[in-house]
Amino acid sequence: MSQPIYLLSQDLGLLKHWQASWGYDCVALNQANTPLPDSAILVIDLAHPQVVQWSQSQWHQRVSNVMVIAASTTPTDEEGHRLLSAGARAYCHAVAPASLLAQVLAVVAAGEIWAGRSLVQRILAAINHLPAQQAPDLSALSERELETARYAAKGYANKEIARFLNISERTVKAHLTSCYEKLGIADRVQLTLRLNGLN
């Protein structure tokens, strides 16, 4: 991982869990306003006393030059939506298993957004109710890719899509990867926006 990783928490047990998950070269911070190098990854414990009362503008300021992973021991979709809207790159459970935390970090380091499934489904549902701005050009997609894309845009998991279409999860992943490549997009949120004529 090329980006330096900084951890902001006063919970020693949580810091230990994060370091065990992401590597012991992560740097623990004492102050929320510590200047950080551009493109660094900052993992914020939302229970940190200096962060609890941050306004939306303070969040915007903090995420202006770093990639923020917001972590909560009591995550809610509402809080996740607010923080992702403010510019956080990920919103996750602070004590998630190491394998999931590794996935969150990999997604953020690749420049993408990470959120839990229920929050993603909520965002997709909101997008699906927005009025289309233009008819999307989906002619590059095969009929099966388009079917798969429509299910994904409704928030269904790969396993569910596989069951609906009577195909393997591996085939679902292959169809979605092909959709992303053909449409020049990166993830399900962008796919949902495209299918709804919003980008």
C-alpha atoms as a PDB file:
ATOM      1  CA  MET A   1       0.000   0.000   0.000  1.00  0.00           C
ATOM      2  CA  SER A   2       1.590   3.265  -1.136  1.00  0.00           C
ATOM      3  CA  GLN A   3      -0.557   5.684   0.867  1.00  0.00           C
ATOM      4  CA  PRO A   4       0.355   6.226   4.524  1.00  0.00           C
ATOM      5  CA  ILE A   5      -2.391   5.205   6.955  1.00  0.00           C
ATOM      6  CA  TYR A   6      -3.239   7.287  10.022  1.00  0.00           C
ATOM      7  CA  LEU A   7      -5.531   6.196  12.848  1.00  0.00           C
ATOM      8  CA  LEU A   8      -7.503   8.588  15.045  1.00  0.00           C
ATOM      9  CA  SER A   9      -8.904   6.986  18.194  1.00  0.00           C
ATOM     10  CA  GLN A  10      -8.430   7.149  21.944  1.00  0.00           C
ATOM     11  CA  ASP A  11      -9.592   3.556  22.330  1.00  0.00           C
ATOM     12  CA  LEU A  12      -6.439   1.460  22.740  1.00  0.00           C
ATOM     13  CA  GLY A  13      -8.281  -1.787  22.042  1.00  0.00           C
ATOM     14  CA  LEU A  14      -9.672  -0.378  18.807  1.00  0.00           C
ATOM     15  CA  LEU A  15      -6.252   0.920  17.734  1.00  0.00           C
ATOM     16  CA  LYS A  16      -4.772  -2.515  18.384  1.00  0.00           C
ATOM     17  CA  HIS A  17      -7.519  -4.154  16.284  1.00  0.00           C
ATOM     18  CA  TRP A  18      -6.938  -1.728  13.414  1.00  0.00           C
ATOM     19  CA  GLN A  19      -3.162  -2.205  13.519  1.00  0.00           C
ATOM     20  CA  ALA A  20      -3.587  -5.986  13.530  1.00  0.00           C
ATOM     21  CA  SER A  21      -5.922  -5.638  10.511  1.00  0.00           C
ATOM     22  CA  TRP A  22      -3.990  -3.079   8.482  1.00  0.00           C
ATOM     23  CA  GLY A  23      -0.404  -3.387   9.683  1.00  0.00           C
ATOM     24  CA  TYR A  24       1.599  -2.064  12.564  1.00  0.00           C
ATOM     25  CA  ASP A  25       3.167   0.670  10.444  1.00  0.00           C
ATOM     26  CA  CYS A  26      -0.111   2.625  10.730  1.00  0.00           C
ATOM     27  CA  VAL A  27       0.437   5.884  12.613  1.00  0.00           C
ATOM     28  CA  ALA A  28      -1.813   6.623  15.602  1.00  0.00           C
ATOM     29  CA  LEU A  29      -2.747  10.292  16.007  1.00  0.00           C
ATOM     30  CA  ASN A  30      -3.561  12.204  19.187  1.00  0.00           C
ATOM     31  CA  GLN A  31      -5.268  15.224  17.610  1.00  0.00           C
ATOM     32  CA  ALA A  32      -8.060  15.352  15.007  1.00  0.00           C
ATOM     33  CA  ASN A  33      -6.596  18.443  13.345  1.00  0.00           C
ATOM     34  CA  THR A  34      -3.086  17.031  12.796  1.00  0.00           C
ATOM     35  CA  PRO A  35      -1.883  18.081   9.304  1.00  0.00           C
ATOM     36  CA  LEU A  36      -1.513  15.066   7.012  1.00  0.00           C
ATOM     37  CA  PRO A  37       0.131  14.579   3.618  1.00  0.00           C
ATOM     38  CA  ASP A  38      -2.069  14.678   0.526  1.00  0.00           C
ATOM     39  CA  SER A  39      -3.690  11.353  -0.441  1.00  0.00           C
ATOM     40  CA  ALA A  40      -3.065   9.836   2.977  1.00  0.00           C
ATOM     41  CA  ILE A  41      -5.721   7.506   4.372  1.00  0.00           C
ATOM     42  CA  LEU A  42      -7.184   8.630   7.696  1.00  0.00           C
ATOM     43  CA  VAL A  43      -9.297   6.207   9.727  1.00  0.00           C
ATOM     44  CA  ILE A  44     -11.502   8.113  12.174  1.00  0.00           C
ATOM     45  CA  ASP A  45     -13.123   6.610  15.245  1.00  0.00           C
ATOM     46  CA  LEU A  46     -16.414   8.511  15.298  1.00  0.00           C
ATOM     47  CA  ALA A  47     -16.498   8.210  19.098  1.00  0.00           C
ATOM     48  CA  HIS A  48     -13.335  10.343  19.378  1.00  0.00           C
ATOM     49  CA  PRO A  49     -14.288  13.370  21.524  1.00  0.00           C
ATOM     50  CA  GLN A  50     -12.791  15.850  19.046  1.00  0.00           C
ATOM     51  CA  VAL A  51     -14.894  14.376  16.205  1.00  0.00           C
ATOM     52  CA  VAL A  52     -18.282  13.752  17.838  1.00  0.00           C
ATOM     53  CA  GLN A  53     -19.589  17.287  17.278  1.00  0.00           C
ATOM     54  CA  TRP A  54     -18.000  17.988  13.892  1.00  0.00           C
ATOM     55  CA  SER A  55     -20.248  19.945  11.549  1.00  0.00           C
ATOM     56  CA  GLN A  56     -20.660  19.162   7.856  1.00  0.00           C
ATOM     57  CA  SER A  57     -18.215  21.976   7.004  1.00  0.00           C
ATOM     58  CA  GLN A  58     -15.611  20.538   9.390  1.00  0.00           C
ATOM     59  CA  TRP A  59     -15.982  17.162   7.682  1.00  0.00           C
ATOM     60  CA  HIS A  60     -15.568  18.791   4.260  1.00  0.00           C
ATOM     61  CA  GLN A  61     -12.409  20.502   5.496  1.00  0.00           C
ATOM     62  CA  ARG A  62     -10.946  17.279   6.929  1.00  0.00           C
ATOM     63  CA  VAL A  63     -11.576  15.297   3.720  1.00  0.00           C
ATOM     64  CA  SER A  64     -10.226  17.996   1.397  1.00  0.00           C
ATOM     65  CA  ASN A  65      -6.803  16.388   0.970  1.00  0.00           C
ATOM     66  CA  VAL A  66      -7.027  12.946   2.589  1.00  0.00           C
ATOM     67  CA  MET A  67      -9.139   9.825   2.086  1.00  0.00           C
ATOM     68  CA  VAL A  68     -11.238   9.330   5.201  1.00  0.00           C
ATOM     69  CA  ILE A  69     -12.593   6.030   6.460  1.00  0.00           C
ATOM     70  CA  ALA A  70     -15.251   6.824   9.066  1.00  0.00           C
ATOM     71  CA  ALA A  71     -15.648   3.992  11.584  1.00  0.00           C
ATOM     72  CA  SER A  72     -18.399   3.610  14.160  1.00  0.00           C
ATOM     73  CA  THR A  73     -19.094   1.015  16.840  1.00  0.00           C
ATOM     74  CA  THR A  74     -22.815   1.766  16.368  1.00  0.00           C
ATOM     75  CA  PRO A  75     -23.191   2.429  12.613  1.00  0.00           C
ATOM     76  CA  THR A  76     -26.475   3.660  11.146  1.00  0.00           C
ATOM     77  CA  ASP A  77     -27.483   4.227   7.527  1.00  0.00           C
ATOM     78  CA  GLU A  78     -28.394   7.841   8.318  1.00  0.00           C
ATOM     79  CA  GLU A  79     -24.949   8.635   9.726  1.00  0.00           C
ATOM     80  CA  GLY A  80     -23.250   6.783   6.885  1.00  0.00           C
ATOM     81  CA  HIS A  81     -25.226   8.704   4.277  1.00  0.00           C
ATOM     82  CA  ARG A  82     -24.360  12.022   5.949  1.00  0.00           C
ATOM     83  CA  LEU A  83     -20.637  11.266   6.146  1.00  0.00           C
ATOM     84  CA  LEU A  84     -20.359   9.882   2.611  1.00  0.00           C
ATOM     85  CA  SER A  85     -22.206  13.003   1.411  1.00  0.00           C
ATOM     86  CA  ALA A  86     -19.631  15.100   3.288  1.00  0.00           C
ATOM     87  CA  GLY A  87     -16.796  13.395   1.412  1.00  0.00           C
ATOM     88  CA  ALA A  88     -15.791  10.374   3.493  1.00  0.00           C
ATOM     89  CA  ARG A  89     -14.583   7.515   1.260  1.00  0.00           C
ATOM     90  CA  ALA A  90     -15.918   4.738   3.489  1.00  0.00           C
ATOM     91  CA  TYR A  91     -18.262   4.155   6.397  1.00  0.00           C
ATOM     92  CA  CYS A  92     -17.876   0.911   8.306  1.00  0.00           C
ATOM     93  CA  HIS A  93     -18.199  -0.836  11.647  1.00  0.00           C
ATOM     94  CA  ALA A  94     -15.145   0.040  13.718  1.00  0.00           C
ATOM     95  CA  VAL A  95     -14.659  -3.507  14.989  1.00  0.00           C
ATOM     96  CA  ALA A  96     -15.471  -5.347  11.773  1.00  0.00           C
ATOM     97  CA  PRO A  97     -13.472  -8.539  11.142  1.00  0.00           C
ATOM     98  CA  ALA A  98      -9.949  -8.021   9.816  1.00  0.00           C
ATOM     99  CA  SER A  99     -10.897  -9.501   6.432  1.00  0.00           C
ATOM    100  CA  LEU A 100     -13.662  -6.922   5.966  1.00  0.00           C
ATOM    101  CA  LEU A 101     -11.449  -4.058   7.140  1.00  0.00           C
ATOM    102  CA  ALA A 102      -8.827  -5.171   4.602  1.00  0.00           C
ATOM    103  CA  GLN A 103     -11.494  -5.010   1.894  1.00  0.00           C
ATOM    104  CA  VAL A 104     -12.566  -1.517   2.991  1.00  0.00           C
ATOM    105  CA  LEU A 105      -8.969  -0.301   2.878  1.00  0.00           C
ATOM    106  CA  ALA A 106      -8.312  -1.859  -0.549  1.00  0.00           C
ATOM    107  CA  VAL A 107     -11.422  -0.228  -2.020  1.00  0.00           C
ATOM    108  CA  VAL A 108     -10.549   3.211  -0.614  1.00  0.00           C
ATOM    109  CA  ALA A 109      -6.884   2.926  -1.673  1.00  0.00           C
ATOM    110  CA  ALA A 110      -8.107   2.170  -5.210  1.00  0.00           C
ATOM    111  CA  GLY A 111     -10.003   5.470  -5.195  1.00  0.00           C
ATOM    112  CA  GLU A 112     -13.465   3.964  -4.774  1.00  0.00           C
ATOM    113  CA  ILE A 113     -16.205   4.400  -2.167  1.00  0.00           C
ATOM    114  CA  TRP A 114     -17.068   1.670   0.351  1.00  0.00           C
ATOM    115  CA  ALA A 115     -20.294   1.313   2.333  1.00  0.00           C
ATOM    116  CA  GLY A 116     -22.186  -1.547   3.934  1.00  0.00           C
ATOM    117  CA  ARG A 117     -24.835  -3.364   1.954  1.00  0.00           C
ATOM    118  CA  SER A 118     -27.895  -1.835   3.646  1.00  0.00           C
ATOM    119  CA  LEU A 119     -26.594   1.687   3.048  1.00  0.00           C
ATOM    120  CA  VAL A 120     -25.749   0.915  -0.584  1.00  0.00           C
ATOM    121  CA  GLN A 121     -29.264  -0.480  -1.083  1.00  0.00           C
ATOM    122  CA  ARG A 122     -30.725   2.682   0.417  1.00  0.00           C
ATOM    123  CA  ILE A 123     -28.645   4.874  -1.913  1.00  0.00           C
ATOM    124  CA  LEU A 124     -29.591   2.761  -4.933  1.00  0.00           C
ATOM    125  CA  ALA A 125     -33.278   2.952  -4.015  1.00  0.00           C
ATOM    126  CA  ALA A 126     -33.029   6.746  -3.806  1.00  0.00           C
ATOM    127  CA  ILE A 127     -31.301   6.901  -7.202  1.00  0.00           C
ATOM    128  CA  ASN A 128     -33.961   4.657  -8.759  1.00  0.00           C
ATOM    129  CA  HIS A 129     -36.619   7.218  -7.794  1.00  0.00           C
ATOM    130  CA  LEU A 130     -34.870  10.197  -9.394  1.00  0.00           C
ATOM    131  CA  PRO A 131     -36.271  11.446 -12.719  1.00  0.00           C
ATOM    132  CA  ALA A 132     -34.080  10.548 -15.706  1.00  0.00           C
ATOM    133  CA  GLN A 133     -32.254  13.417 -17.384  1.00  0.00           C
ATOM    134  CA  GLN A 134     -31.627  11.521 -20.618  1.00  0.00           C
ATOM    135  CA  ALA A 135     -32.275   8.105 -22.132  1.00  0.00           C
ATOM    136  CA  PRO A 136     -29.213   5.966 -21.350  1.00  0.00           C
ATOM    137  CA  ASP A 137     -27.268   4.381 -24.201  1.00  0.00           C
ATOM    138  CA  LEU A 138     -26.937   0.758 -23.164  1.00  0.00           C
ATOM    139  CA  SER A 139     -26.524  -0.674 -26.673  1.00  0.00           C
ATOM    140  CA  ALA A 140     -23.014  -1.947 -25.843  1.00  0.00           C
ATOM    141  CA  LEU A 141     -24.443  -4.425 -23.326  1.00  0.00           C
ATOM    142  CA  SER A 142     -25.619  -7.897 -24.212  1.00  0.00           C
ATOM    143  CA  GLU A 143     -29.140  -8.899 -23.194  1.00  0.00           C
ATOM    144  CA  ARG A 144     -27.791 -11.000 -20.300  1.00  0.00           C
ATOM    145  CA  GLU A 145     -25.468  -8.199 -19.125  1.00  0.00           C
ATOM    146  CA  LEU A 146     -28.392  -5.779 -19.168  1.00  0.00           C
ATOM    147  CA  GLU A 147     -30.546  -8.175 -17.123  1.00  0.00           C
ATOM    148  CA  THR A 148     -27.733  -8.566 -14.604  1.00  0.00           C
ATOM    149  CA  ALA A 149     -27.160  -4.802 -14.475  1.00  0.00           C
ATOM    150  CA  ARG A 150     -30.845  -4.102 -13.804  1.00  0.00           C
ATOM    151  CA  TYR A 151     -30.921  -6.493 -10.869  1.00  0.00           C
ATOM    152  CA  ALA A 152     -27.666  -5.019  -9.490  1.00  0.00           C
ATOM    153  CA  ALA A 153     -29.121  -1.507  -9.793  1.00  0.00           C
ATOM    154  CA  LYS A 154     -32.063  -2.594  -7.652  1.00  0.00           C
ATOM    155  CA  GLY A 155     -29.650  -3.518  -4.864  1.00  0.00           C
ATOM    156  CA  TYR A 156     -29.680  -7.297  -5.188  1.00  0.00           C
ATOM    157  CA  ALA A 157     -26.539  -9.166  -4.102  1.00  0.00           C
ATOM    158  CA  ASN A 158     -24.636 -11.335  -6.583  1.00  0.00           C
ATOM    159  CA  LYS A 159     -25.979 -14.493  -4.949  1.00  0.00           C
ATOM    160  CA  GLU A 160     -29.568 -13.297  -5.419  1.00  0.00           C
ATOM    161  CA  ILE A 161     -28.949 -12.266  -9.024  1.00  0.00           C
ATOM    162  CA  ALA A 162     -27.423 -15.668  -9.723  1.00  0.00           C
ATOM    163  CA  ARG A 163     -30.546 -17.356  -8.342  1.00  0.00           C
ATOM    164  CA  PHE A 164     -32.917 -15.109 -10.341  1.00  0.00           C
ATOM    165  CA  LEU A 165     -31.064 -15.708 -13.613  1.00  0.00           C
ATOM    166  CA  ASN A 166     -30.145 -19.341 -12.910  1.00  0.00           C
ATOM    167  CA  ILE A 167     -26.430 -18.679 -13.400  1.00  0.00           C
ATOM    168  CA  SER A 168     -23.380 -18.898 -11.134  1.00  0.00           C
ATOM    169  CA  GLU A 169     -22.162 -16.032  -8.937  1.00  0.00           C
ATOM    170  CA  ARG A 170     -18.955 -16.114 -10.950  1.00  0.00           C
ATOM    171  CA  THR A 171     -20.954 -15.427 -14.120  1.00  0.00           C
ATOM    172  CA  VAL A 172     -22.773 -12.566 -12.387  1.00  0.00           C
ATOM    173  CA  LYS A 173     -19.398 -11.024 -11.462  1.00  0.00           C
ATOM    174  CA  ALA A 174     -18.174 -11.481 -15.035  1.00  0.00           C
ATOM    175  CA  HIS A 175     -21.299  -9.797 -16.443  1.00  0.00           C
ATOM    176  CA  LEU A 176     -20.977  -6.859 -14.043  1.00  0.00           C
ATOM    177  CA  THR A 177     -17.262  -6.445 -14.782  1.00  0.00           C
ATOM    178  CA  SER A 178     -18.081  -6.414 -18.486  1.00  0.00           C
ATOM    179  CA  CYS A 179     -20.826  -3.817 -17.889  1.00  0.00           C
ATOM    180  CA  TYR A 180     -18.407  -1.577 -15.991  1.00  0.00           C
ATOM    181  CA  GLU A 181     -15.789  -1.842 -18.749  1.00  0.00           C
ATOM    182  CA  LYS A 182     -18.229  -1.236 -21.598  1.00  0.00           C
ATOM    183  CA  LEU A 183     -19.898   1.720 -19.889  1.00  0.00           C
ATOM    184  CA  GLY A 184     -16.660   3.222 -18.521  1.00  0.00           C
ATOM    185  CA  ILE A 185     -17.823   3.118 -14.907  1.00  0.00           C
ATOM    186  CA  ALA A 186     -16.436   1.674 -11.677  1.00  0.00           C
ATOM    187  CA  ASP A 187     -19.193   0.426  -9.366  1.00  0.00           C
ATOM    188  CA  ARG A 188     -22.868  -0.320  -8.727  1.00  0.00           C
ATOM    189  CA  VAL A 189     -23.751   3.234  -7.771  1.00  0.00           C
ATOM    190  CA  GLN A 190     -22.415   4.529 -11.091  1.00  0.00           C
ATOM    191  CA  LEU A 191     -24.167   1.650 -12.867  1.00  0.00           C
ATOM    192  CA  THR A 192     -27.469   2.609 -11.237  1.00  0.00           C
ATOM    193  CA  LEU A 193     -26.966   6.246 -12.209  1.00  0.00           C
ATOM    194  CA  ARG A 194     -26.262   5.225 -15.826  1.00  0.00           C
ATOM    195  CA  LEU A 195     -29.259   2.898 -16.060  1.00  0.00           C
ATOM    196  CA  ASN A 196     -31.445   5.714 -14.762  1.00  0.00           C
ATOM    197  CA  GLY A 197     -30.065   8.245 -17.265  1.00  0.00           C
ATOM    198  CA  LEU A 198     -28.387  10.309 -14.568  1.00  0.00           C
ATOM    199  CA  ASN A 199     -24.773  10.265 -15.818  1.00  0.00           C
END
